[in-house]
Amino acid sequence: MAQVRAKTICFVDNGMRQAGDVFEYDGPKNTNLEYLKGAPVETDEVEQEAAEATTKKWSPKAKRASAE
């Protein structure tokens, strides 16, 4: 686990963290945290590609025939 310091008030690990709080964090990189010891957890590229593949692409709705 990495030891981090909160830069601003943020919600991390189901709790509010005040600016300057030092705590253990084991999660993905967060821009609101300053890493003191350790490094952020790297996410697998395979997981990211799978997540992108499962997202549905936007498609326009079919136009209705006008009632004349």
PDB file of N, CA and C in Angstrom:
ATOM      1  N   MET A   1       0.835  -1.182   0.000  1.00  0.00           N
ATOM      2  CA  MET A   1       0.000   0.000   0.000  1.00  0.00           C
ATOM      3  C   MET A   1       0.877   1.241   0.000  1.00  0.00           C
ATOM      4  N   ALA A   2       0.390   2.238  -0.674  1.00  0.00           N
ATOM      5  CA  ALA A   2       1.116   3.501  -0.749  1.00  0.00           C
ATOM      6  C   ALA A   2       0.643   4.429   0.359  1.00  0.00           C
ATOM      7  N   GLN A   3       1.569   5.209   0.857  1.00  0.00           N
ATOM      8  CA  GLN A   3       1.221   6.219   1.845  1.00  0.00           C
ATOM      9  C   GLN A   3       1.044   7.528   1.087  1.00  0.00           C
ATOM     10  N   VAL A   4      -0.096   8.192   1.305  1.00  0.00           N
ATOM     11  CA  VAL A   4      -0.439   9.385   0.545  1.00  0.00           C
ATOM     12  C   VAL A   4      -0.873  10.518   1.471  1.00  0.00           C
ATOM     13  N   ARG A   5      -0.842  11.736   0.911  1.00  0.00           N
ATOM     14  CA  ARG A   5      -1.329  12.915   1.621  1.00  0.00           C
ATOM     15  C   ARG A   5      -2.379  13.567   0.732  1.00  0.00           C
ATOM     16  N   ALA A   6      -3.509  13.943   1.307  1.00  0.00           N
ATOM     17  CA  ALA A   6      -4.566  14.597   0.542  1.00  0.00           C
ATOM     18  C   ALA A   6      -4.169  16.035   0.253  1.00  0.00           C
ATOM     19  N   LYS A   7      -4.296  16.459  -1.014  1.00  0.00           N
ATOM     20  CA  LYS A   7      -3.985  17.833  -1.404  1.00  0.00           C
ATOM     21  C   LYS A   7      -5.166  18.763  -1.104  1.00  0.00           C
ATOM     22  N   THR A   8      -6.377  18.245  -1.282  1.00  0.00           N
ATOM     23  CA  THR A   8      -7.597  19.008  -1.065  1.00  0.00           C
ATOM     24  C   THR A   8      -8.590  18.119  -0.319  1.00  0.00           C
ATOM     25  N   ILE A   9      -9.718  18.679   0.039  1.00  0.00           N
ATOM     26  CA  ILE A   9     -10.779  17.866   0.625  1.00  0.00           C
ATOM     27  C   ILE A   9     -11.272  16.926  -0.464  1.00  0.00           C
ATOM     28  N   CYS A  10     -11.290  15.624  -0.176  1.00  0.00           N
ATOM     29  CA  CYS A  10     -11.718  14.648  -1.166  1.00  0.00           C
ATOM     30  C   CYS A  10     -12.368  13.449  -0.480  1.00  0.00           C
ATOM     31  N   PHE A  11     -13.100  12.670  -1.244  1.00  0.00           N
ATOM     32  CA  PHE A  11     -13.778  11.471  -0.749  1.00  0.00           C
ATOM     33  C   PHE A  11     -13.010  10.262  -1.242  1.00  0.00           C
ATOM     34  N   VAL A  12     -12.310   9.579  -0.328  1.00  0.00           N
ATOM     35  CA  VAL A  12     -11.478   8.429  -0.676  1.00  0.00           C
ATOM     36  C   VAL A  12     -11.768   7.300   0.305  1.00  0.00           C
ATOM     37  N   ASP A  13     -11.911   6.084  -0.216  1.00  0.00           N
ATOM     38  CA  ASP A  13     -12.149   4.889   0.610  1.00  0.00           C
ATOM     39  C   ASP A  13     -13.321   5.083   1.570  1.00  0.00           C
ATOM     40  N   ASN A  14     -14.427   5.541   1.044  1.00  0.00           N
ATOM     41  CA  ASN A  14     -15.664   5.725   1.813  1.00  0.00           C
ATOM     42  C   ASN A  14     -15.511   6.676   2.989  1.00  0.00           C
ATOM     43  N   GLY A  15     -14.685   7.679   2.847  1.00  0.00           N
ATOM     44  CA  GLY A  15     -14.524   8.672   3.903  1.00  0.00           C
ATOM     45  C   GLY A  15     -14.020   9.994   3.368  1.00  0.00           C
ATOM     46  N   MET A  16     -14.399  11.074   4.036  1.00  0.00           N
ATOM     47  CA  MET A  16     -13.918  12.402   3.658  1.00  0.00           C
ATOM     48  C   MET A  16     -12.515  12.587   4.215  1.00  0.00           C
ATOM     49  N   ARG A  17     -11.624  13.059   3.379  1.00  0.00           N
ATOM     50  CA  ARG A  17     -10.245  13.335   3.779  1.00  0.00           C
ATOM     51  C   ARG A  17     -10.016  14.838   3.702  1.00  0.00           C
ATOM     52  N   GLN A  18      -9.466  15.410   4.744  1.00  0.00           N
ATOM     53  CA  GLN A  18      -9.156  16.832   4.784  1.00  0.00           C
ATOM     54  C   GLN A  18      -7.799  17.065   4.138  1.00  0.00           C
ATOM     55  N   ALA A  19      -7.552  18.279   3.674  1.00  0.00           N
ATOM     56  CA  ALA A  19      -6.257  18.620   3.085  1.00  0.00           C
ATOM     57  C   ALA A  19      -5.173  18.411   4.127  1.00  0.00           C
ATOM     58  N   GLY A  20      -4.116  17.688   3.777  1.00  0.00           N
ATOM     59  CA  GLY A  20      -3.001  17.425   4.681  1.00  0.00           C
ATOM     60  C   GLY A  20      -3.084  16.094   5.407  1.00  0.00           C
ATOM     61  N   ASP A  21      -4.216  15.395   5.354  1.00  0.00           N
ATOM     62  CA  ASP A  21      -4.340  14.083   5.999  1.00  0.00           C
ATOM     63  C   ASP A  21      -3.398  13.084   5.332  1.00  0.00           C
ATOM     64  N   VAL A  22      -2.691  12.293   6.128  1.00  0.00           N
ATOM     65  CA  VAL A  22      -1.799  11.248   5.628  1.00  0.00           C
ATOM     66  C   VAL A  22      -2.438   9.909   5.962  1.00  0.00           C
ATOM     67  N   PHE A  23      -2.546   9.023   4.952  1.00  0.00           N
ATOM     68  CA  PHE A  23      -3.191   7.730   5.159  1.00  0.00           C
ATOM     69  C   PHE A  23      -2.699   6.729   4.125  1.00  0.00           C
ATOM     70  N   GLU A  24      -3.050   5.465   4.313  1.00  0.00           N
ATOM     71  CA  GLU A  24      -2.698   4.388   3.390  1.00  0.00           C
ATOM     72  C   GLU A  24      -3.764   4.318   2.298  1.00  0.00           C
ATOM     73  N   TYR A  25      -3.345   4.185   1.052  1.00  0.00           N
ATOM     74  CA  TYR A  25      -4.281   4.128  -0.070  1.00  0.00           C
ATOM     75  C   TYR A  25      -3.812   3.063  -1.040  1.00  0.00           C
ATOM     76  N   ASP A  26      -4.719   2.154  -1.394  1.00  0.00           N
ATOM     77  CA  ASP A  26      -4.408   1.085  -2.333  1.00  0.00           C
ATOM     78  C   ASP A  26      -5.444   1.109  -3.453  1.00  0.00           C
ATOM     79  N   GLY A  27      -5.302   2.061  -4.338  1.00  0.00           N
ATOM     80  CA  GLY A  27      -6.256   2.208  -5.425  1.00  0.00           C
ATOM     81  C   GLY A  27      -5.590   2.834  -6.626  1.00  0.00           C
ATOM     82  N   PRO A  28      -6.383   3.133  -7.641  1.00  0.00           N
ATOM     83  CA  PRO A  28      -5.825   3.735  -8.856  1.00  0.00           C
ATOM     84  C   PRO A  28      -5.330   5.148  -8.597  1.00  0.00           C
ATOM     85  N   LYS A  29      -4.540   5.662  -9.517  1.00  0.00           N
ATOM     86  CA  LYS A  29      -3.959   6.993  -9.368  1.00  0.00           C
ATOM     87  C   LYS A  29      -5.064   8.028  -9.185  1.00  0.00           C
ATOM     88  N   ASN A  30      -4.843   8.932  -8.250  1.00  0.00           N
ATOM     89  CA  ASN A  30      -5.813   9.966  -7.942  1.00  0.00           C
ATOM     90  C   ASN A  30      -5.071  11.293  -7.915  1.00  0.00           C
ATOM     91  N   THR A  31      -5.554  12.269  -8.660  1.00  0.00           N
ATOM     92  CA  THR A  31      -4.860  13.559  -8.757  1.00  0.00           C
ATOM     93  C   THR A  31      -5.000  14.394  -7.495  1.00  0.00           C
ATOM     94  N   ASN A  32      -5.911  14.037  -6.598  1.00  0.00           N
ATOM     95  CA  ASN A  32      -6.086  14.774  -5.351  1.00  0.00           C
ATOM     96  C   ASN A  32      -5.145  14.293  -4.257  1.00  0.00           C
ATOM     97  N   LEU A  33      -4.324  13.292  -4.567  1.00  0.00           N
ATOM     98  CA  LEU A  33      -3.428  12.707  -3.574  1.00  0.00           C
ATOM     99  C   LEU A  33      -1.976  12.898  -3.979  1.00  0.00           C
ATOM    100  N   GLU A  34      -1.141  13.161  -2.987  1.00  0.00           N
ATOM    101  CA  GLU A  34       0.306  13.270  -3.198  1.00  0.00           C
ATOM    102  C   GLU A  34       0.920  11.985  -2.654  1.00  0.00           C
ATOM    103  N   TYR A  35       1.629  11.257  -3.481  1.00  0.00           N
ATOM    104  CA  TYR A  35       2.197   9.967  -3.085  1.00  0.00           C
ATOM    105  C   TYR A  35       3.502  10.201  -2.333  1.00  0.00           C
ATOM    106  N   LEU A  36       3.549   9.760  -1.066  1.00  0.00           N
ATOM    107  CA  LEU A  36       4.730   9.925  -0.229  1.00  0.00           C
ATOM    108  C   LEU A  36       5.630   8.701  -0.323  1.00  0.00           C
ATOM    109  N   LYS A  37       5.058   7.518  -0.113  1.00  0.00           N
ATOM    110  CA  LYS A  37       5.789   6.256  -0.209  1.00  0.00           C
ATOM    111  C   LYS A  37       4.968   5.305  -1.055  1.00  0.00           C
ATOM    112  N   GLY A  38       5.622   4.611  -1.944  1.00  0.00           N
ATOM    113  CA  GLY A  38       4.916   3.686  -2.818  1.00  0.00           C
ATOM    114  C   GLY A  38       4.470   4.377  -4.088  1.00  0.00           C
ATOM    115  N   ALA A  39       3.742   3.660  -4.898  1.00  0.00           N
ATOM    116  CA  ALA A  39       3.281   4.181  -6.189  1.00  0.00           C
ATOM    117  C   ALA A  39       1.820   3.803  -6.372  1.00  0.00           C
ATOM    118  N   PRO A  40       1.121   4.516  -7.227  1.00  0.00           N
ATOM    119  CA  PRO A  40      -0.278   4.165  -7.484  1.00  0.00           C
ATOM    120  C   PRO A  40      -0.386   2.804  -8.157  1.00  0.00           C
ATOM    121  N   VAL A  41      -1.513   2.147  -7.952  1.00  0.00           N
ATOM    122  CA  VAL A  41      -1.749   0.836  -8.547  1.00  0.00           C
ATOM    123  C   VAL A  41      -1.945   1.020 -10.043  1.00  0.00           C
ATOM    124  N   GLU A  42      -1.224   0.231 -10.811  1.00  0.00           N
ATOM    125  CA  GLU A  42      -1.361   0.268 -12.263  1.00  0.00           C
ATOM    126  C   GLU A  42      -2.514  -0.637 -12.659  1.00  0.00           C
ATOM    127  N   THR A  43      -3.412  -0.152 -13.513  1.00  0.00           N
ATOM    128  CA  THR A  43      -4.519  -0.976 -13.986  1.00  0.00           C
ATOM    129  C   THR A  43      -4.058  -1.763 -15.196  1.00  0.00           C
ATOM    130  N   ASP A  44      -4.582  -2.952 -15.346  1.00  0.00           N
ATOM    131  CA  ASP A  44      -4.219  -3.808 -16.474  1.00  0.00           C
ATOM    132  C   ASP A  44      -4.810  -3.256 -17.756  1.00  0.00           C
ATOM    133  N   GLU A  45      -4.024  -3.265 -18.810  1.00  0.00           N
ATOM    134  CA  GLU A  45      -4.505  -2.803 -20.102  1.00  0.00           C
ATOM    135  C   GLU A  45      -5.612  -3.706 -20.617  1.00  0.00           C
ATOM    136  N   VAL A  46      -5.553  -4.982 -20.263  1.00  0.00           N
ATOM    137  CA  VAL A  46      -6.572  -5.928 -20.709  1.00  0.00           C
ATOM    138  C   VAL A  46      -7.920  -5.551 -20.113  1.00  0.00           C
ATOM    139  N   GLU A  47      -7.938  -5.183 -18.828  1.00  0.00           N
ATOM    140  CA  GLU A  47      -9.184  -4.786 -18.186  1.00  0.00           C
ATOM    141  C   GLU A  47      -9.746  -3.529 -18.831  1.00  0.00           C
ATOM    142  N   GLN A  48      -8.894  -2.573 -19.154  1.00  0.00           N
ATOM    143  CA  GLN A  48      -9.345  -1.341 -19.779  1.00  0.00           C
ATOM    144  C   GLN A  48      -9.916  -1.613 -21.165  1.00  0.00           C
ATOM    145  N   GLU A  49      -9.262  -2.476 -21.948  1.00  0.00           N
ATOM    146  CA  GLU A  49      -9.748  -2.802 -23.278  1.00  0.00           C
ATOM    147  C   GLU A  49     -11.083  -3.530 -23.204  1.00  0.00           C
ATOM    148  N   ALA A  50     -11.242  -4.419 -22.235  1.00  0.00           N
ATOM    149  CA  ALA A  50     -12.499  -5.142 -22.070  1.00  0.00           C
ATOM    150  C   ALA A  50     -13.618  -4.178 -21.693  1.00  0.00           C
ATOM    151  N   ALA A  51     -13.322  -3.215 -20.846  1.00  0.00           N
ATOM    152  CA  ALA A  51     -14.330  -2.241 -20.436  1.00  0.00           C
ATOM    153  C   ALA A  51     -14.740  -1.371 -21.620  1.00  0.00           C
ATOM    154  N   GLU A  52     -13.791  -0.995 -22.456  1.00  0.00           N
ATOM    155  CA  GLU A  52     -14.096  -0.183 -23.627  1.00  0.00           C
ATOM    156  C   GLU A  52     -14.914  -0.975 -24.646  1.00  0.00           C
ATOM    157  N   ALA A  53     -14.647  -2.265 -24.756  1.00  0.00           N
ATOM    158  CA  ALA A  53     -15.354  -3.095 -25.729  1.00  0.00           C
ATOM    159  C   ALA A  53     -16.803  -3.320 -25.311  1.00  0.00           C
ATOM    160  N   THR A  54     -17.088  -3.327 -24.024  1.00  0.00           N
ATOM    161  CA  THR A  54     -18.446  -3.596 -23.563  1.00  0.00           C
ATOM    162  C   THR A  54     -19.328  -2.356 -23.554  1.00  0.00           C
ATOM    163  N   THR A  55     -18.753  -1.168 -23.667  1.00  0.00           N
ATOM    164  CA  THR A  55     -19.568   0.036 -23.679  1.00  0.00           C
ATOM    165  C   THR A  55     -20.306   0.138 -25.002  1.00  0.00           C
ATOM    166  N   LYS A  56     -21.558   0.533 -24.920  1.00  0.00           N
ATOM    167  CA  LYS A  56     -22.383   0.617 -26.115  1.00  0.00           C
ATOM    168  C   LYS A  56     -22.126   1.936 -26.822  1.00  0.00           C
ATOM    169  N   LYS A  57     -21.975   1.860 -28.112  1.00  0.00           N
ATOM    170  CA  LYS A  57     -21.778   3.056 -28.915  1.00  0.00           C
ATOM    171  C   LYS A  57     -23.118   3.766 -29.073  1.00  0.00           C
ATOM    172  N   TRP A  58     -23.055   5.075 -29.205  1.00  0.00           N
ATOM    173  CA  TRP A  58     -24.256   5.869 -29.390  1.00  0.00           C
ATOM    174  C   TRP A  58     -24.751   5.707 -30.812  1.00  0.00           C
ATOM    175  N   SER A  59     -26.046   5.559 -30.956  1.00  0.00           N
ATOM    176  CA  SER A  59     -26.637   5.520 -32.287  1.00  0.00           C
ATOM    177  C   SER A  59     -27.914   6.369 -32.262  1.00  0.00           C
ATOM    178  N   PRO A  60     -28.186   7.053 -33.346  1.00  0.00           N
ATOM    179  CA  PRO A  60     -29.377   7.906 -33.354  1.00  0.00           C
ATOM    180  C   PRO A  60     -30.649   7.071 -33.362  1.00  0.00           C
ATOM    181  N   LYS A  61     -31.708   7.634 -32.794  1.00  0.00           N
ATOM    182  CA  LYS A  61     -32.983   6.934 -32.786  1.00  0.00           C
ATOM    183  C   LYS A  61     -33.608   7.008 -34.178  1.00  0.00           C
ATOM    184  N   ALA A  62     -34.419   6.021 -34.472  1.00  0.00           N
ATOM    185  CA  ALA A  62     -35.084   5.994 -35.764  1.00  0.00           C
ATOM    186  C   ALA A  62     -36.124   7.113 -35.823  1.00  0.00           C
ATOM    187  N   LYS A  63     -36.251   7.709 -36.983  1.00  0.00           N
ATOM    188  CA  LYS A  63     -37.220   8.785 -37.161  1.00  0.00           C
ATOM    189  C   LYS A  63     -38.608   8.177 -37.324  1.00  0.00           C
ATOM    190  N   ARG A  64     -39.585   8.847 -36.728  1.00  0.00           N
ATOM    191  CA  ARG A  64     -40.965   8.378 -36.846  1.00  0.00           C
ATOM    192  C   ARG A  64     -41.574   8.939 -38.131  1.00  0.00           C
ATOM    193  N   ALA A  65     -42.454   8.160 -38.690  1.00  0.00           N
ATOM    194  CA  ALA A  65     -43.166   8.620 -39.881  1.00  0.00           C
ATOM    195  C   ALA A  65     -44.131   9.713 -39.433  1.00  0.00           C
ATOM    196  N   SER A  66     -44.181  10.804 -40.165  1.00  0.00           N
ATOM    197  CA  SER A  66     -45.075  11.888 -39.780  1.00  0.00           C
ATOM    198  C   SER A  66     -46.510  11.531 -40.137  1.00  0.00           C
ATOM    199  N   ALA A  67     -47.408  11.844 -39.234  1.00  0.00           N
ATOM    200  CA  ALA A  67     -48.832  11.573 -39.457  1.00  0.00           C
ATOM    201  C   ALA A  67     -49.426  12.744 -40.211  1.00  0.00           C
ATOM    202  N   GLU A  68     -49.798  12.534 -41.432  1.00  0.00           N
ATOM    203  CA  GLU A  68     -50.358  13.623 -42.237  1.00  0.00           C
ATOM    204  C   GLU A  68     -51.795  13.388 -42.554  1.00  0.00           C
TER     205      GLU A  68
END
